[in-house]
N, C-alpha and C. Protein backbone atom coordinates (compact mmCIF):
# COMPACT_ATOMS: atom_id res chain seq x y z
N MET A 1 -60.74 -18.48 -73.76
CA MET A 1 -61.87 -17.59 -73.86
C MET A 1 -61.52 -16.29 -73.15
N GLN A 2 -61.95 -15.20 -73.71
CA GLN A 2 -61.67 -13.89 -73.11
C GLN A 2 -62.46 -13.73 -71.82
N ALA A 3 -61.96 -12.86 -70.98
CA ALA A 3 -62.70 -12.51 -69.78
C ALA A 3 -63.94 -11.72 -70.18
N PRO A 4 -65.02 -11.84 -69.40
CA PRO A 4 -66.22 -11.07 -69.71
C PRO A 4 -65.95 -9.58 -69.69
N SER A 5 -66.74 -8.86 -70.42
CA SER A 5 -66.60 -7.41 -70.48
C SER A 5 -66.80 -6.82 -69.09
N PRO A 6 -65.93 -5.91 -68.65
CA PRO A 6 -66.07 -5.35 -67.31
C PRO A 6 -67.31 -4.47 -67.15
N THR A 7 -67.93 -4.07 -68.25
CA THR A 7 -69.11 -3.22 -68.15
C THR A 7 -70.35 -4.03 -67.78
N ARG A 8 -70.31 -5.34 -67.94
CA ARG A 8 -71.45 -6.18 -67.59
C ARG A 8 -71.38 -6.50 -66.10
N SER A 9 -72.46 -6.25 -65.40
CA SER A 9 -72.48 -6.52 -63.97
C SER A 9 -72.63 -8.01 -63.70
N ILE A 10 -72.33 -8.40 -62.49
CA ILE A 10 -72.50 -9.80 -62.10
C ILE A 10 -73.97 -10.17 -62.20
N TRP A 11 -74.85 -9.26 -61.83
CA TRP A 11 -76.29 -9.52 -61.92
C TRP A 11 -76.69 -9.81 -63.36
N SER A 12 -76.18 -9.03 -64.28
CA SER A 12 -76.50 -9.23 -65.70
C SER A 12 -75.94 -10.56 -66.20
N ARG A 13 -74.73 -10.90 -65.79
CA ARG A 13 -74.13 -12.17 -66.22
C ARG A 13 -74.82 -13.35 -65.56
N PHE A 14 -75.43 -13.15 -64.40
CA PHE A 14 -76.15 -14.23 -63.72
C PHE A 14 -77.39 -14.63 -64.51
N TRP A 15 -78.08 -13.66 -65.11
CA TRP A 15 -79.33 -13.93 -65.80
C TRP A 15 -79.19 -14.09 -67.31
N SER A 16 -78.11 -13.61 -67.91
CA SER A 16 -77.95 -13.67 -69.36
C SER A 16 -76.56 -14.16 -69.73
N PRO A 17 -76.47 -15.16 -70.60
CA PRO A 17 -75.16 -15.69 -70.97
C PRO A 17 -74.37 -14.78 -71.91
N SER A 18 -75.00 -13.77 -72.47
CA SER A 18 -74.29 -12.93 -73.45
C SER A 18 -73.08 -12.22 -72.85
N GLY A 19 -73.10 -11.95 -71.56
CA GLY A 19 -71.97 -11.32 -70.91
C GLY A 19 -70.77 -12.25 -70.75
N MET A 20 -70.98 -13.54 -70.93
CA MET A 20 -69.90 -14.51 -70.76
C MET A 20 -69.27 -14.93 -72.09
N LEU A 21 -69.82 -14.47 -73.20
CA LEU A 21 -69.34 -14.91 -74.50
C LEU A 21 -68.13 -14.09 -74.95
N GLU A 22 -67.32 -14.71 -75.78
CA GLU A 22 -66.12 -14.07 -76.32
C GLU A 22 -66.53 -13.09 -77.42
N ARG A 23 -65.98 -11.90 -77.37
CA ARG A 23 -66.26 -10.89 -78.39
C ARG A 23 -65.42 -11.14 -79.63
N ILE A 24 -65.96 -10.84 -80.79
CA ILE A 24 -65.21 -10.97 -82.04
C ILE A 24 -64.48 -9.66 -82.28
N PRO A 25 -63.15 -9.68 -82.37
CA PRO A 25 -62.41 -8.44 -82.61
C PRO A 25 -62.75 -7.86 -83.98
N THR A 26 -62.65 -6.56 -84.09
CA THR A 26 -62.97 -5.91 -85.37
C THR A 26 -61.97 -6.26 -86.45
N ASP A 27 -60.74 -6.60 -86.06
CA ASP A 27 -59.72 -6.92 -87.06
C ASP A 27 -59.61 -8.42 -87.34
N ALA A 28 -60.58 -9.22 -86.88
CA ALA A 28 -60.52 -10.67 -87.08
C ALA A 28 -60.88 -11.02 -88.52
N ASP A 29 -60.16 -12.00 -89.07
CA ASP A 29 -60.52 -12.47 -90.41
C ASP A 29 -61.70 -13.45 -90.29
N ALA A 30 -62.20 -13.92 -91.42
CA ALA A 30 -63.40 -14.75 -91.44
C ALA A 30 -63.20 -16.06 -90.68
N ARG A 31 -62.06 -16.68 -90.85
CA ARG A 31 -61.79 -17.97 -90.18
C ARG A 31 -61.73 -17.79 -88.66
N GLU A 32 -61.06 -16.74 -88.23
CA GLU A 32 -60.96 -16.48 -86.79
C GLU A 32 -62.33 -16.16 -86.20
N ALA A 33 -63.12 -15.37 -86.92
CA ALA A 33 -64.47 -15.04 -86.45
C ALA A 33 -65.34 -16.30 -86.37
N GLU A 34 -65.20 -17.18 -87.35
CA GLU A 34 -65.95 -18.44 -87.35
C GLU A 34 -65.55 -19.31 -86.16
N ASP A 35 -64.26 -19.34 -85.84
CA ASP A 35 -63.79 -20.10 -84.69
C ASP A 35 -64.33 -19.53 -83.37
N ILE A 36 -64.38 -18.22 -83.27
CA ILE A 36 -64.91 -17.59 -82.06
C ILE A 36 -66.40 -17.90 -81.92
N VAL A 37 -67.13 -17.82 -83.02
CA VAL A 37 -68.56 -18.14 -82.98
C VAL A 37 -68.76 -19.60 -82.55
N TYR A 38 -67.92 -20.49 -83.07
CA TYR A 38 -68.02 -21.91 -82.69
C TYR A 38 -67.73 -22.10 -81.20
N ARG A 39 -66.69 -21.45 -80.69
CA ARG A 39 -66.38 -21.55 -79.26
C ARG A 39 -67.52 -21.01 -78.41
N ASN A 40 -68.13 -19.92 -78.85
CA ASN A 40 -69.28 -19.38 -78.13
C ASN A 40 -70.44 -20.36 -78.14
N ASP A 41 -70.71 -20.97 -79.31
CA ASP A 41 -71.79 -21.95 -79.39
C ASP A 41 -71.51 -23.16 -78.51
N LEU A 42 -70.27 -23.59 -78.49
CA LEU A 42 -69.89 -24.73 -77.64
C LEU A 42 -70.05 -24.37 -76.17
N TRP A 43 -69.66 -23.16 -75.79
CA TRP A 43 -69.84 -22.71 -74.41
C TRP A 43 -71.33 -22.67 -74.06
N LEU A 44 -72.15 -22.12 -74.96
CA LEU A 44 -73.58 -22.04 -74.72
C LEU A 44 -74.19 -23.44 -74.57
N LYS A 45 -73.81 -24.35 -75.45
CA LYS A 45 -74.35 -25.71 -75.38
C LYS A 45 -73.98 -26.37 -74.06
N THR A 46 -72.80 -26.06 -73.55
CA THR A 46 -72.33 -26.68 -72.32
C THR A 46 -72.97 -26.07 -71.07
N TYR A 47 -73.12 -24.76 -71.03
CA TYR A 47 -73.53 -24.09 -69.79
C TYR A 47 -74.93 -23.50 -69.78
N MET A 48 -75.70 -23.67 -70.83
CA MET A 48 -77.04 -23.07 -70.86
C MET A 48 -78.00 -23.71 -69.87
N ASP A 49 -77.71 -24.94 -69.42
CA ASP A 49 -78.61 -25.57 -68.45
C ASP A 49 -78.72 -24.74 -67.17
N MET A 50 -77.63 -24.07 -66.77
CA MET A 50 -77.68 -23.22 -65.57
C MET A 50 -78.67 -22.07 -65.77
N TYR A 51 -78.62 -21.45 -66.94
CA TYR A 51 -79.51 -20.32 -67.21
C TYR A 51 -80.96 -20.79 -67.35
N ILE A 52 -81.17 -21.94 -67.98
CA ILE A 52 -82.52 -22.48 -68.11
C ILE A 52 -83.09 -22.79 -66.73
N LEU A 53 -82.28 -23.38 -65.86
CA LEU A 53 -82.74 -23.67 -64.50
C LEU A 53 -83.04 -22.38 -63.72
N ARG A 54 -82.22 -21.36 -63.87
CA ARG A 54 -82.47 -20.09 -63.17
C ARG A 54 -83.79 -19.48 -63.61
N TRP A 55 -84.01 -19.41 -64.92
CA TRP A 55 -85.25 -18.81 -65.42
C TRP A 55 -86.45 -19.70 -65.10
N GLY A 56 -86.26 -21.02 -65.14
CA GLY A 56 -87.34 -21.92 -64.76
C GLY A 56 -87.70 -21.78 -63.30
N GLY A 57 -86.69 -21.64 -62.44
CA GLY A 57 -86.94 -21.42 -61.02
C GLY A 57 -87.64 -20.10 -60.76
N LEU A 58 -87.23 -19.06 -61.48
CA LEU A 58 -87.90 -17.76 -61.34
C LEU A 58 -89.36 -17.87 -61.77
N PHE A 59 -89.60 -18.57 -62.88
CA PHE A 59 -90.98 -18.74 -63.36
C PHE A 59 -91.81 -19.52 -62.35
N LEU A 60 -91.28 -20.63 -61.88
CA LEU A 60 -92.02 -21.45 -60.92
C LEU A 60 -92.27 -20.69 -59.62
N GLY A 61 -91.25 -20.02 -59.12
CA GLY A 61 -91.42 -19.26 -57.88
C GLY A 61 -92.42 -18.13 -58.00
N SER A 62 -92.36 -17.40 -59.10
CA SER A 62 -93.31 -16.29 -59.28
C SER A 62 -94.72 -16.81 -59.51
N LEU A 63 -94.85 -17.96 -60.16
CA LEU A 63 -96.17 -18.55 -60.36
C LEU A 63 -96.77 -19.01 -59.03
N VAL A 64 -95.95 -19.62 -58.19
CA VAL A 64 -96.42 -20.03 -56.86
C VAL A 64 -96.83 -18.81 -56.05
N LEU A 65 -96.04 -17.76 -56.09
CA LEU A 65 -96.39 -16.54 -55.35
C LEU A 65 -97.66 -15.90 -55.90
N ALA A 66 -97.85 -15.95 -57.22
CA ALA A 66 -99.08 -15.40 -57.80
C ALA A 66 -100.29 -16.18 -57.32
N VAL A 67 -100.17 -17.50 -57.24
CA VAL A 67 -101.30 -18.32 -56.76
C VAL A 67 -101.54 -18.07 -55.28
N LEU A 68 -100.47 -17.99 -54.50
CA LEU A 68 -100.63 -17.78 -53.06
C LEU A 68 -101.18 -16.40 -52.72
N THR A 69 -100.92 -15.41 -53.54
CA THR A 69 -101.42 -14.06 -53.25
C THR A 69 -102.82 -13.83 -53.80
N TYR A 70 -103.40 -14.84 -54.44
CA TYR A 70 -104.78 -14.72 -54.93
C TYR A 70 -105.70 -15.03 -53.76
N ASN A 71 -105.88 -14.03 -52.91
CA ASN A 71 -106.58 -14.21 -51.65
C ASN A 71 -107.24 -12.88 -51.31
N ASP A 72 -108.34 -12.95 -50.58
CA ASP A 72 -109.04 -11.72 -50.20
C ASP A 72 -108.24 -10.88 -49.20
N GLY A 73 -107.39 -11.51 -48.41
CA GLY A 73 -106.65 -10.79 -47.39
C GLY A 73 -105.42 -10.07 -47.90
N ILE A 74 -105.03 -10.33 -49.13
CA ILE A 74 -103.81 -9.74 -49.69
C ILE A 74 -104.21 -8.80 -50.83
N PRO A 75 -103.67 -7.59 -50.87
CA PRO A 75 -104.03 -6.66 -51.95
C PRO A 75 -103.74 -7.26 -53.34
N MET A 76 -104.63 -6.98 -54.28
CA MET A 76 -104.50 -7.54 -55.64
C MET A 76 -103.27 -7.03 -56.37
N VAL A 77 -102.70 -5.93 -55.92
CA VAL A 77 -101.51 -5.40 -56.59
C VAL A 77 -100.36 -6.42 -56.50
N PHE A 78 -100.28 -7.16 -55.40
CA PHE A 78 -99.24 -8.19 -55.28
C PHE A 78 -99.49 -9.33 -56.25
N ASN A 79 -100.75 -9.74 -56.37
CA ASN A 79 -101.08 -10.80 -57.31
C ASN A 79 -100.77 -10.36 -58.73
N ALA A 80 -101.11 -9.14 -59.07
CA ALA A 80 -100.84 -8.64 -60.43
C ALA A 80 -99.34 -8.55 -60.68
N ALA A 81 -98.58 -8.12 -59.68
CA ALA A 81 -97.12 -8.02 -59.84
C ALA A 81 -96.50 -9.40 -60.04
N PHE A 82 -96.92 -10.37 -59.26
CA PHE A 82 -96.36 -11.72 -59.41
C PHE A 82 -96.81 -12.38 -60.70
N ALA A 83 -98.04 -12.09 -61.13
CA ALA A 83 -98.50 -12.63 -62.42
C ALA A 83 -97.70 -12.02 -63.57
N ALA A 84 -97.42 -10.72 -63.50
CA ALA A 84 -96.60 -10.08 -64.53
C ALA A 84 -95.18 -10.63 -64.51
N LEU A 85 -94.64 -10.86 -63.32
CA LEU A 85 -93.31 -11.45 -63.21
C LEU A 85 -93.29 -12.86 -63.80
N SER A 86 -94.38 -13.60 -63.63
CA SER A 86 -94.47 -14.95 -64.21
C SER A 86 -94.42 -14.90 -65.72
N VAL A 87 -95.12 -13.95 -66.31
CA VAL A 87 -95.10 -13.81 -67.77
C VAL A 87 -93.69 -13.43 -68.24
N PHE A 88 -93.06 -12.50 -67.55
CA PHE A 88 -91.69 -12.09 -67.87
C PHE A 88 -90.72 -13.27 -67.76
N ALA A 89 -90.85 -14.05 -66.69
CA ALA A 89 -89.97 -15.20 -66.48
C ALA A 89 -90.21 -16.28 -67.53
N LEU A 90 -91.45 -16.47 -67.93
CA LEU A 90 -91.74 -17.45 -68.98
C LEU A 90 -91.12 -17.02 -70.31
N ALA A 91 -91.17 -15.73 -70.60
CA ALA A 91 -90.53 -15.23 -71.83
C ALA A 91 -89.01 -15.42 -71.75
N GLY A 92 -88.41 -15.13 -70.61
CA GLY A 92 -86.97 -15.34 -70.44
C GLY A 92 -86.60 -16.80 -70.57
N LEU A 93 -87.43 -17.68 -70.02
CA LEU A 93 -87.18 -19.11 -70.14
C LEU A 93 -87.24 -19.56 -71.59
N ALA A 94 -88.21 -19.05 -72.34
CA ALA A 94 -88.33 -19.40 -73.76
C ALA A 94 -87.10 -18.92 -74.54
N VAL A 95 -86.60 -17.74 -74.22
CA VAL A 95 -85.40 -17.22 -74.90
C VAL A 95 -84.19 -18.10 -74.59
N MET A 96 -84.05 -18.53 -73.33
CA MET A 96 -82.92 -19.38 -72.96
C MET A 96 -82.99 -20.74 -73.66
N ILE A 97 -84.18 -21.31 -73.75
CA ILE A 97 -84.34 -22.59 -74.44
C ILE A 97 -84.03 -22.44 -75.92
N ARG A 98 -84.52 -21.36 -76.53
CA ARG A 98 -84.25 -21.12 -77.95
C ARG A 98 -82.75 -20.92 -78.19
N THR A 99 -82.06 -20.21 -77.30
CA THR A 99 -80.61 -20.01 -77.42
C THR A 99 -79.88 -21.34 -77.32
N TYR A 100 -80.29 -22.18 -76.38
CA TYR A 100 -79.65 -23.49 -76.24
C TYR A 100 -79.86 -24.34 -77.50
N ARG A 101 -81.07 -24.36 -78.02
CA ARG A 101 -81.36 -25.17 -79.21
C ARG A 101 -80.56 -24.68 -80.41
N ARG A 102 -80.43 -23.36 -80.57
CA ARG A 102 -79.66 -22.82 -81.69
C ARG A 102 -78.18 -23.19 -81.55
N ALA A 103 -77.64 -23.04 -80.35
CA ALA A 103 -76.23 -23.37 -80.14
C ALA A 103 -75.97 -24.86 -80.32
N ALA A 104 -76.86 -25.70 -79.82
CA ALA A 104 -76.68 -27.14 -79.97
C ALA A 104 -76.74 -27.55 -81.44
N ALA A 105 -77.65 -26.95 -82.19
CA ALA A 105 -77.74 -27.27 -83.62
C ALA A 105 -76.48 -26.81 -84.36
N ALA A 106 -75.95 -25.65 -83.99
CA ALA A 106 -74.73 -25.15 -84.64
C ALA A 106 -73.53 -26.05 -84.34
N VAL A 107 -73.44 -26.55 -83.11
CA VAL A 107 -72.33 -27.44 -82.76
C VAL A 107 -72.47 -28.77 -83.48
N LEU A 108 -73.68 -29.31 -83.52
CA LEU A 108 -73.89 -30.59 -84.21
C LEU A 108 -73.63 -30.48 -85.70
N LYS A 109 -73.97 -29.34 -86.27
CA LYS A 109 -73.75 -29.14 -87.70
C LYS A 109 -72.26 -29.13 -88.04
N ARG A 110 -71.46 -28.66 -87.12
CA ARG A 110 -70.02 -28.55 -87.38
C ARG A 110 -69.26 -29.85 -87.11
N LEU A 111 -69.86 -30.77 -86.38
CA LEU A 111 -69.20 -32.05 -86.10
C LEU A 111 -69.11 -32.89 -87.37
N PRO A 112 -68.03 -33.68 -87.50
CA PRO A 112 -67.93 -34.54 -88.69
C PRO A 112 -68.97 -35.65 -88.63
N PRO A 113 -69.44 -36.13 -89.78
CA PRO A 113 -70.45 -37.19 -89.78
C PRO A 113 -69.88 -38.49 -89.22
N ARG A 114 -70.75 -39.26 -88.60
CA ARG A 114 -70.34 -40.55 -88.04
C ARG A 114 -70.14 -41.57 -89.14
N LYS A 115 -69.18 -42.43 -88.93
CA LYS A 115 -68.95 -43.52 -89.88
C LYS A 115 -69.53 -44.80 -89.31
N GLY A 116 -70.18 -45.55 -90.17
CA GLY A 116 -70.69 -46.83 -89.72
C GLY A 116 -72.11 -46.89 -89.72
């Protein structure tokens, strides 16, 4: 697998798997491009649990903070910020789950059928 693009920061690669995927060269033929896509799908199927856990942890943490800041002694701007972060984290979690499901389906589709 190719090294990640140097333009992607570590922060970006921590939250999104797209920075870790192999790029398809412009001069690649169809078979080579298909192999690269398969390797990317296999990598996603293997390592997406880390990204799902990160986004799930962000969602859970921001939801807990939103509940804890729903108090008369704390300005509502904090509650609104944590509630907005919870919505953002839930959307990111949904994207990670959808990416995992797509990659897993693509890998299973390419496997030979079982005999017996």
